[in-house]
């Protein structure tokens, strides 16, 4: 019912479309050039979906499937380690969390990471209390977590496992076994892309992906999403607390009550207390890690929502006198948040102008011919990426919809003197009267077109 949003979704969709055109499985491309912003897993998942289901359903389908699979893992673990009611409540609490529902329907690398990390952390606990062979699955999911969003999955796992080893001495003997075959499987999975990507791109892959996108982002190299200094750190922590409280309402109000405390003695055995502390550690490490990292975005906190849903769900199942009432409330919250997200996304798709721009691109694609995207980026500083008329950006989703390499330029002479495109898509206030004269001096004619699609915010021109 709504197409991709820019900026991130648009880039990912355009990359997948170009990889399909090229028959490429190793090097991501955006508009004709290698693009190493993110690892490969999302593209691998989306390539067949885009080819089979088209550019309205296909790009987001992997995120939907990963979200549903994450719900399944959470329900399975909560039921296995706590109770059937805990499993029901956990899946309802996660499935009615605003941040989960919102990001879960977008084409983002965070959803494959969420599934992989959730599966890795739950199977690792099983390896500690059931059979060490579960650790093979942990390694398998961690490997794909690295393919989903880089080494962050591995770093988080090491911190959580290390803290558990230190704080739970009774579990230390259970840490033995399956590390060597697990490590081999982990590196084998990672190597399925990292090795051929390096062989195909060499130093470009090392610089753009390993250094800039991994080390650079954590240390604050992403200036657009970085809050510098101690003040930035405190602001980031405060902001993330707000994201957590709002993103998991109303269940976030019970996190403090559900948080395990070693001093409690309510008749539960030690294993129940240990698994609660493990789940709490899982959530806390994710929060602290991203709070102190350089780059900060709202959806970075998403991986802590599954453990929190398990924690609060298990607590509610244990203390509730009428668990069925909690389940009914969870169902109501799921319906409300799902409908809220649907209406907000529909409104935003139209209010931001993206419905109009993508309809225009579809018309041009149907007509055929080369395309130039002229001055789509913002001209004024006060037109940022946070207002309804927003998206004063390059709108990379247009490259996906056009399904071709488009000439992007802010200079009309670049378009007129370059490989001549048939079409020029631009914003309604970009082409000035003097541009017609400038183009005419190059031997071309610039003609405004009026296709049978809305043109309130965008204009279509033809260059002859």
Protein backbone atom coordinates (compact mmCIF):
# COMPACT_ATOMS: atom_id res chain seq x y z
CA UNK A 1 0.00 0.00 0.00
CA UNK A 2 3.03 2.28 0.23
CA UNK A 3 6.43 2.25 -1.42
CA UNK A 4 9.89 2.54 0.09
CA UNK A 5 10.83 5.55 2.18
CA UNK A 6 14.05 7.46 1.70
CA UNK A 7 16.84 7.64 2.59
CA UNK A 8 17.96 4.19 3.84
CA UNK A 9 15.19 2.06 2.37
CA UNK A 10 15.58 3.77 -0.98
CA UNK A 11 19.30 3.02 -1.12
CA UNK A 12 18.83 -0.63 -0.19
CA UNK A 13 16.07 -1.10 -2.77
CA UNK A 14 18.12 0.57 -5.50
CA UNK A 15 21.14 -1.60 -4.65
CA UNK A 16 19.09 -4.80 -4.88
CA UNK A 17 17.52 -3.74 -8.18
CA UNK A 18 20.92 -3.02 -9.72
CA UNK A 19 22.42 -6.27 -8.41
CA UNK A 20 19.55 -8.11 -10.09
CA UNK A 21 20.16 -6.27 -13.37
CA UNK A 22 23.85 -7.13 -13.25
CA UNK A 23 23.33 -10.71 -12.06
CA UNK A 24 25.62 -9.73 -9.17
CA UNK A 25 25.83 -11.57 -5.82
CA UNK A 26 29.05 -10.21 -4.30
CA UNK A 27 29.51 -6.47 -4.89
CA UNK A 28 26.59 -4.15 -4.01
CA UNK A 29 26.11 -1.36 -6.54
CA UNK A 30 24.22 1.89 -6.27
CA UNK A 31 23.60 3.83 -9.48
CA UNK A 32 26.55 2.33 -11.29
CA UNK A 33 29.16 2.39 -8.50
CA UNK A 34 30.16 -0.08 -5.74
CA UNK A 35 28.31 0.77 -2.53
CA UNK A 36 29.63 -0.75 0.70
CA UNK A 37 27.37 0.96 3.23
CA UNK A 38 26.08 -2.36 4.59
CA UNK A 39 26.94 -6.07 4.42
CA UNK A 40 25.33 -8.46 2.00
CA UNK A 41 22.64 -10.46 3.85
CA UNK A 42 19.71 -8.07 3.30
CA UNK A 43 20.56 -7.89 -0.39
CA UNK A 44 20.79 -11.67 -0.68
CA UNK A 45 17.39 -12.03 0.97
CA UNK A 46 15.76 -9.25 -1.07
CA UNK A 47 17.10 -10.17 -4.53
CA UNK A 48 14.68 -13.06 -5.20
CA UNK A 49 11.84 -11.24 -3.43
CA UNK A 50 12.21 -8.18 -5.65
CA UNK A 51 12.47 -10.33 -8.77
CA UNK A 52 9.33 -12.35 -7.94
CA UNK A 53 7.07 -9.87 -6.12
CA UNK A 54 8.06 -6.53 -7.65
CA UNK A 55 9.19 -3.26 -6.07
CA UNK A 56 6.14 -2.64 -3.86
CA UNK A 57 6.12 -5.93 -1.91
CA UNK A 58 9.48 -7.55 -2.64
CA UNK A 59 11.94 -5.15 -0.96
CA UNK A 60 10.25 -5.26 2.45
CA UNK A 61 9.37 -8.96 2.45
CA UNK A 62 12.67 -10.11 4.06
CA UNK A 63 12.10 -7.76 7.01
CA UNK A 64 8.56 -9.08 7.46
CA UNK A 65 9.76 -12.69 7.44
CA UNK A 66 12.63 -11.89 9.84
CA UNK A 67 10.20 -10.14 12.20
CA UNK A 68 7.81 -13.09 12.24
CA UNK A 69 10.71 -15.51 12.77
CA UNK A 70 11.95 -13.38 15.68
CA UNK A 71 8.51 -13.59 17.28
CA UNK A 72 8.72 -17.35 16.92
CA UNK A 73 12.16 -17.57 18.56
CA UNK A 74 11.04 -15.37 21.46
CA UNK A 75 7.88 -17.42 22.05
CA UNK A 76 9.83 -20.70 21.82
CA UNK A 77 12.47 -19.62 24.32
CA UNK A 78 10.06 -18.05 26.82
CA UNK A 79 7.83 -21.13 26.76
CA UNK A 80 10.81 -23.49 27.06
CA UNK A 81 12.50 -21.67 29.94
CA UNK A 82 9.53 -20.19 31.80
CA UNK A 83 5.99 -21.26 30.91
CA UNK A 84 3.47 -21.44 28.08
CA UNK A 85 1.82 -18.27 29.35
CA UNK A 86 5.21 -16.53 29.39
CA UNK A 87 5.67 -17.51 25.75
CA UNK A 88 2.27 -16.10 24.81
CA UNK A 89 2.80 -12.86 26.70
CA UNK A 90 6.34 -12.37 25.38
CA UNK A 91 5.31 -12.62 21.75
CA UNK A 92 2.34 -10.27 22.33
CA UNK A 93 4.49 -7.72 24.15
CA UNK A 94 7.13 -7.74 21.44
CA UNK A 95 4.52 -7.68 18.68
CA UNK A 96 2.82 -4.62 20.19
CA UNK A 97 5.99 -2.59 20.81
CA UNK A 98 5.91 0.50 18.61
CA UNK A 99 9.58 0.38 17.63
CA UNK A 100 9.37 -3.30 16.70
CA UNK A 101 6.19 -2.86 14.67
CA UNK A 102 7.50 0.25 12.93
CA UNK A 103 10.92 -1.05 11.94
CA UNK A 104 9.58 -4.55 11.33
CA UNK A 105 7.75 -3.37 8.22
CA UNK A 106 10.68 -1.50 6.68
CA UNK A 107 13.51 -2.62 4.43
CA UNK A 108 16.35 -2.37 6.95
CA UNK A 109 19.43 -4.39 7.84
CA UNK A 110 18.35 -4.32 11.49
CA UNK A 111 15.69 -7.01 11.06
CA UNK A 112 17.99 -9.78 9.81
CA UNK A 113 20.42 -8.75 12.57
CA UNK A 114 17.60 -8.88 15.13
CA UNK A 115 16.65 -12.41 14.13
CA UNK A 116 20.23 -13.66 14.05
CA UNK A 117 21.21 -12.12 17.38
CA UNK A 118 18.02 -13.29 19.12
CA UNK A 119 18.52 -16.83 17.83
CA UNK A 120 22.21 -16.77 18.80
CA UNK A 121 21.56 -15.59 22.37
CA UNK A 122 18.73 -18.08 23.01
CA UNK A 123 20.63 -21.06 21.59
CA UNK A 124 23.71 -20.09 23.59
CA UNK A 125 21.72 -20.31 26.82
CA UNK A 126 20.46 -23.71 25.70
CA UNK A 127 24.09 -24.77 25.23
CA UNK A 128 24.78 -23.82 28.86
CA UNK A 129 21.84 -25.59 30.47
CA UNK A 130 20.96 -28.35 28.00
CA UNK A 131 23.49 -29.66 25.46
CA UNK A 132 26.75 -28.02 24.36
CA UNK A 133 25.90 -28.94 20.77
CA UNK A 134 23.43 -26.02 20.75
CA UNK A 135 26.52 -23.85 20.42
CA UNK A 136 26.87 -24.92 16.79
CA UNK A 137 23.59 -23.13 16.10
CA UNK A 138 24.85 -20.13 18.05
CA UNK A 139 27.88 -19.92 15.77
CA UNK A 140 25.70 -20.35 12.69
CA UNK A 141 23.42 -17.46 13.64
CA UNK A 142 26.31 -15.23 14.73
CA UNK A 143 27.94 -15.76 11.35
CA UNK A 144 24.83 -14.58 9.56
CA UNK A 145 24.52 -11.75 12.09
CA UNK A 146 27.91 -10.52 10.89
CA UNK A 147 26.67 -10.78 7.30
CA UNK A 148 23.59 -8.79 8.34
CA UNK A 149 25.29 -5.76 9.90
CA UNK A 150 28.97 -6.34 10.44
CA UNK A 151 30.94 -7.44 13.52
CA UNK A 152 28.54 -5.81 16.01
CA UNK A 153 26.67 -9.12 16.53
CA UNK A 154 29.91 -10.88 17.43
CA UNK A 155 31.05 -8.08 19.76
CA UNK A 156 27.74 -8.05 21.64
CA UNK A 157 27.80 -11.82 22.02
CA UNK A 158 31.33 -11.83 23.44
CA UNK A 159 30.45 -9.15 26.01
CA UNK A 160 27.23 -10.89 27.11
CA UNK A 161 28.87 -14.33 27.28
CA UNK A 162 31.87 -12.93 29.18
CA UNK A 163 29.70 -11.14 31.72
CA UNK A 164 27.62 -14.28 32.24
CA UNK A 165 30.76 -16.35 32.79
CA UNK A 166 31.95 -13.90 35.44
CA UNK A 167 28.62 -13.34 37.21
CA UNK A 168 27.32 -16.92 37.13
CA UNK A 169 30.11 -19.13 38.54
CA UNK A 170 27.81 -22.15 38.72
CA UNK A 171 27.61 -22.09 34.91
CA UNK A 172 31.34 -21.90 34.23
CA UNK A 173 31.82 -25.67 33.79
CA UNK A 174 29.09 -25.59 31.14
CA UNK A 175 31.07 -23.18 28.98
CA UNK A 176 33.25 -26.08 27.84
CA UNK A 177 32.67 -27.87 24.57
CA UNK A 178 31.80 -27.13 20.92
CA UNK A 179 33.88 -23.94 20.71
CA UNK A 180 36.30 -25.19 18.03
CA UNK A 181 33.73 -26.54 15.53
CA UNK A 182 31.51 -23.56 16.31
CA UNK A 183 34.30 -21.10 15.58
CA UNK A 184 35.10 -22.90 12.34
CA UNK A 185 31.46 -22.68 11.26
CA UNK A 186 31.30 -19.02 12.29
CA UNK A 187 34.26 -18.04 10.13
CA UNK A 188 33.05 -20.22 7.27
CA UNK A 189 29.70 -18.41 7.19
CA UNK A 190 31.38 -14.99 7.37
CA UNK A 191 33.84 -15.97 4.64
CA UNK A 192 31.03 -16.72 2.18
CA UNK A 193 30.90 -12.98 1.48
CA UNK A 194 33.90 -11.28 3.09
CA UNK A 195 36.47 -13.29 1.14
CA UNK A 196 34.96 -12.96 -2.36
CA UNK A 197 34.10 -9.30 -1.66
CA UNK A 198 37.75 -8.59 -0.82
CA UNK A 199 39.00 -10.57 -3.81
CA UNK A 200 36.66 -8.67 -6.13
CA UNK A 201 37.22 -5.17 -4.69
CA UNK A 202 40.50 -5.23 -2.77
CA UNK A 203 41.40 -2.08 -0.85
CA UNK A 204 38.10 -0.42 -1.75
CA UNK A 205 36.28 -3.05 0.31
CA UNK A 206 38.70 -2.64 3.23
CA UNK A 207 38.48 1.15 3.29
CA UNK A 208 34.81 1.72 2.57
CA UNK A 209 33.30 -1.18 4.48
CA UNK A 210 35.65 -2.43 7.19
CA UNK A 211 37.17 0.91 8.20
CA UNK A 212 34.57 3.59 7.43
CA UNK A 213 31.34 1.68 7.99
CA UNK A 214 32.36 -0.43 10.99
CA UNK A 215 35.20 1.16 12.94
CA UNK A 216 34.27 4.69 11.82
CA UNK A 217 30.62 4.50 12.85
CA UNK A 218 31.33 3.18 16.34
CA UNK A 219 34.03 5.78 17.00
CA UNK A 220 31.88 8.65 15.74
CA UNK A 221 32.97 8.81 12.11
CA UNK A 222 29.35 9.15 11.00
CA UNK A 223 29.01 12.88 11.68
CA UNK A 224 25.34 13.01 10.70
CA UNK A 225 24.38 10.61 13.50
CA UNK A 226 26.98 11.46 16.13
CA UNK A 227 26.60 13.38 19.40
CA UNK A 228 30.13 14.45 20.36
CA UNK A 229 31.66 14.79 23.83
CA UNK A 230 30.35 14.04 27.33
CA UNK A 231 27.28 16.17 26.69
CA UNK A 232 26.54 14.10 23.61
CA UNK A 233 26.98 10.90 25.60
CA UNK A 234 24.56 12.03 28.31
CA UNK A 235 22.10 13.28 25.73
CA UNK A 236 22.36 9.99 23.89
CA UNK A 237 21.69 7.97 27.05
CA UNK A 238 18.73 10.17 27.92
CA UNK A 239 17.40 9.92 24.39
CA UNK A 240 17.74 6.15 24.36
CA UNK A 241 15.86 5.91 27.66
CA UNK A 242 13.07 7.87 26.02
CA UNK A 243 13.17 5.61 22.96
CA UNK A 244 12.93 2.55 25.19
CA UNK A 245 10.04 3.90 27.26
CA UNK A 246 8.06 5.12 24.25
CA UNK A 247 9.02 2.32 21.88
CA UNK A 248 7.77 -0.41 24.21
CA UNK A 249 4.72 1.23 25.79
CA UNK A 250 2.84 0.11 27.79
CA UNK A 251 5.14 -2.80 28.63
CA UNK A 252 8.15 -0.58 29.33
CA UNK A 253 6.36 0.56 32.50
CA UNK A 254 6.92 -2.92 33.96
CA UNK A 255 10.62 -3.35 33.11
CA UNK A 256 11.75 -2.16 36.54
CA UNK A 257 9.41 -4.58 38.33
CA UNK A 258 10.48 -7.45 36.07
CA UNK A 259 14.21 -6.75 36.38
CA UNK A 260 15.86 -9.60 38.33
CA UNK A 261 17.48 -8.91 41.69
CA UNK A 262 19.77 -11.39 43.41
CA UNK A 263 18.36 -10.45 46.82
CA UNK A 264 14.89 -11.73 45.92
CA UNK A 265 13.76 -15.01 47.40
CA UNK A 266 10.35 -15.94 46.09
CA UNK A 267 10.71 -19.69 46.07
CA UNK A 268 12.10 -20.01 42.55
CA UNK A 269 15.01 -22.33 41.87
CA UNK A 270 18.45 -21.06 40.93
CA UNK A 271 18.06 -21.89 37.24
CA UNK A 272 15.02 -19.60 36.92
CA UNK A 273 16.96 -16.77 38.53
CA UNK A 274 20.00 -17.43 36.34
CA UNK A 275 18.06 -17.33 33.07
CA UNK A 276 16.37 -14.09 34.11
CA UNK A 277 19.74 -12.54 34.90
CA UNK A 278 21.08 -13.76 31.56
CA UNK A 279 18.18 -12.21 29.66
CA UNK A 280 18.59 -8.97 31.63
CA UNK A 281 22.32 -8.93 30.82
CA UNK A 282 21.48 -9.46 27.16
CA UNK A 283 19.26 -6.35 27.17
CA UNK A 284 21.54 -4.19 29.34
CA UNK A 285 24.69 -4.84 27.29
CA UNK A 286 22.93 -3.79 24.08
CA UNK A 287 21.71 -0.57 25.67
CA UNK A 288 25.10 0.35 27.13
CA UNK A 289 27.01 -0.59 23.98
CA UNK A 290 24.98 1.65 21.69
CA UNK A 291 24.71 4.42 24.30
CA UNK A 292 28.51 4.82 24.38
CA UNK A 293 29.06 4.27 20.64
CA UNK A 294 29.68 7.27 18.43
CA UNK A 295 26.77 6.95 15.99
CA UNK A 296 23.27 6.88 17.46
CA UNK A 297 20.02 6.06 15.71
CA UNK A 298 16.66 5.13 17.21
CA UNK A 299 16.50 1.64 15.71
CA UNK A 300 19.92 0.67 17.10
CA UNK A 301 18.11 -0.28 20.32
CA UNK A 302 15.86 -2.79 18.57
CA UNK A 303 17.93 -5.90 19.54
CA UNK A 304 17.19 -5.30 23.24
CA UNK A 305 13.42 -5.54 22.73
CA UNK A 306 13.26 -9.37 22.47
CA UNK A 307 15.02 -9.96 25.83
CA UNK A 308 12.91 -7.26 27.47
CA UNK A 309 9.73 -8.85 26.10
CA UNK A 310 10.86 -12.21 27.49
CA UNK A 311 11.71 -10.67 30.85
CA UNK A 312 8.44 -8.76 31.25
CA UNK A 313 6.39 -11.61 29.80
CA UNK A 314 7.88 -14.11 32.25
CA UNK A 315 7.32 -11.73 35.17
CA UNK A 316 3.70 -11.06 34.21
CA UNK A 317 3.01 -14.79 33.79
CA UNK A 318 4.43 -15.41 37.26
CA UNK A 319 2.70 -12.63 39.22
CA UNK A 320 -0.59 -12.16 37.34
CA UNK A 321 -3.66 -13.48 39.12
CA UNK A 322 -5.54 -13.49 35.81
CA UNK A 323 -3.02 -14.21 33.04
CA UNK A 324 -5.82 -14.36 30.47
CA UNK A 325 -6.50 -10.68 31.06
CA UNK A 326 -2.86 -9.86 30.24
CA UNK A 327 -3.14 -11.91 27.05
CA UNK A 328 -6.31 -10.06 26.03
CA UNK A 329 -4.59 -6.73 26.66
CA UNK A 330 -1.65 -7.87 24.57
CA UNK A 331 -3.92 -8.77 21.65
CA UNK A 332 -5.64 -5.38 21.86
CA UNK A 333 -2.27 -3.61 21.92
CA UNK A 334 -1.09 -5.60 18.88
CA UNK A 335 -4.15 -4.57 16.90
CA UNK A 336 -3.91 -0.93 17.96
CA UNK A 337 -0.18 -0.53 17.27
CA UNK A 338 -0.44 -2.40 13.97
CA UNK A 339 -3.25 -0.17 12.73
CA UNK A 340 -1.48 2.94 14.02
CA UNK A 341 1.70 2.03 12.13
CA UNK A 342 -0.27 1.29 8.97
CA UNK A 343 -2.10 4.64 8.95
CA UNK A 344 1.01 6.63 9.87
CA UNK A 345 3.04 4.98 7.12
CA UNK A 346 0.29 5.60 4.56
CA UNK A 347 0.03 9.24 5.63
CA UNK A 348 3.79 9.75 5.52
CA UNK A 349 4.14 8.15 2.08
CA UNK A 350 1.76 10.74 0.67
CA UNK A 351 2.64 13.77 2.83
CA UNK A 352 6.36 13.45 2.16
CA UNK A 353 5.78 13.53 -1.59
CA UNK A 354 7.19 10.06 -2.14
CA UNK A 355 3.93 8.66 -3.50
CA UNK A 356 3.99 11.37 -6.16
CA UNK A 357 7.68 10.99 -7.03
CA UNK A 358 7.48 7.20 -7.35
CA UNK A 359 4.35 7.42 -9.50
CA UNK A 360 6.23 9.80 -11.79
CA UNK A 361 9.17 7.40 -11.95
CA UNK A 362 6.87 4.52 -12.86
CA UNK A 363 5.42 6.55 -15.69
CA UNK A 364 8.90 7.33 -17.02
CA UNK A 365 9.94 3.69 -16.71
CA UNK A 366 6.90 2.67 -18.74
CA UNK A 367 7.64 5.24 -21.43
CA UNK A 368 11.30 4.19 -21.69
CA UNK A 369 14.45 6.22 -22.20
CA UNK A 370 17.38 7.53 -20.17
CA UNK A 371 16.69 9.60 -17.04
CA UNK A 372 18.41 12.43 -15.18
CA UNK A 373 17.59 13.37 -11.57
CA UNK A 374 18.16 17.11 -11.24
CA UNK A 375 18.62 19.01 -7.96
CA UNK A 376 16.58 16.67 -5.78
CA UNK A 377 18.73 17.44 -2.74
CA UNK A 378 17.76 20.22 -0.37
CA UNK A 379 18.62 23.79 -1.31
CA UNK A 380 17.97 25.35 2.10
CA UNK A 381 19.26 24.30 5.49
CA UNK A 382 15.83 24.63 7.09
CA UNK A 383 14.48 21.93 4.78
CA UNK A 384 15.94 18.98 6.63
CA UNK A 385 14.85 15.37 6.82
CA UNK A 386 12.17 15.70 9.46
CA UNK A 387 9.25 17.62 7.99
CA UNK A 388 6.28 16.45 5.91
CA UNK A 389 7.53 18.14 2.76
CA UNK A 390 10.79 16.69 3.73
CA UNK A 391 12.78 14.31 1.80
CA UNK A 392 14.71 17.14 0.26
CA UNK A 393 17.16 14.36 -0.51
CA UNK A 394 18.35 12.55 -3.60
CA UNK A 395 15.38 10.16 -3.29
CA UNK A 396 17.34 6.98 -4.10
CA UNK A 397 14.10 5.01 -4.24
CA UNK A 398 13.57 6.58 -7.67
CA UNK A 399 16.63 4.71 -8.92
CA UNK A 400 15.01 1.46 -7.82
CA UNK A 401 11.64 2.30 -9.41
CA UNK A 402 13.28 3.46 -12.65
CA UNK A 403 15.32 0.23 -12.64
CA UNK A 404 18.22 1.84 -14.45
CA UNK A 405 21.32 3.92 -13.75
CA UNK A 406 20.22 7.56 -13.64
CA UNK A 407 22.36 10.66 -14.08
CA UNK A 408 22.28 12.62 -10.80
CA UNK A 409 23.39 16.24 -11.07
CA UNK A 410 22.88 19.71 -9.61
CA UNK A 411 24.17 21.41 -12.77
CA UNK A 412 21.90 21.67 -15.80
CA UNK A 413 24.95 21.87 -18.09
CA UNK A 414 26.14 18.46 -16.88
CA UNK A 415 22.85 17.04 -18.11
CA UNK A 416 22.77 18.94 -21.40
CA UNK A 417 26.42 18.26 -22.27
CA UNK A 418 26.53 14.69 -20.99
CA UNK A 419 25.09 11.51 -22.46
CA UNK A 420 21.73 13.07 -23.33
CA UNK A 421 18.85 11.68 -21.28
CA UNK A 422 15.30 11.65 -22.57
CA UNK A 423 13.73 12.59 -19.24
CA UNK A 424 14.57 14.94 -16.37
CA UNK A 425 12.84 14.46 -13.01
CA UNK A 426 13.20 17.36 -10.60
CA UNK A 427 11.36 19.23 -7.90
CA UNK A 428 8.73 21.75 -8.92
CA UNK A 429 10.82 24.82 -8.06
CA UNK A 430 14.21 23.74 -9.44
CA UNK A 431 14.13 24.55 -13.17
CA UNK A 432 14.44 28.32 -13.63
CA UNK A 433 13.60 30.37 -16.78
CA UNK A 434 17.29 30.95 -17.44
CA UNK A 435 17.85 27.15 -17.49
CA UNK A 436 15.83 26.90 -20.71
CA UNK A 437 18.15 29.44 -22.34
CA UNK A 438 21.25 27.69 -20.99
CA UNK A 439 20.12 24.36 -22.42
CA UNK A 440 19.23 25.93 -25.77
CA UNK A 441 22.79 27.22 -26.14
CA UNK A 442 24.02 23.60 -26.05
CA UNK A 443 21.84 22.73 -29.04
CA UNK A 444 19.08 21.05 -27.07
CA UNK A 445 15.51 21.98 -26.19
CA UNK A 446 14.06 21.59 -22.69
CA UNK A 447 10.32 20.83 -22.71
CA UNK A 448 8.01 20.46 -19.71
CA UNK A 449 5.88 17.31 -19.79
CA UNK A 450 2.48 16.76 -18.14
CA UNK A 451 1.94 13.02 -17.67
CA UNK A 452 -1.34 11.64 -16.23
CA UNK A 453 0.08 11.40 -12.70
CA UNK A 454 0.02 13.98 -9.85
CA UNK A 455 2.65 16.73 -10.17
CA UNK A 456 2.33 18.96 -7.14
CA UNK A 457 5.88 18.67 -5.79
CA UNK A 458 7.76 17.34 -8.82
CA UNK A 459 8.13 18.24 -12.49
CA UNK A 460 8.97 16.17 -15.51
CA UNK A 461 10.91 17.57 -18.48
CA UNK A 462 12.06 16.12 -21.75
CA UNK A 463 15.39 17.00 -23.33
CA UNK A 464 15.54 16.96 -27.12
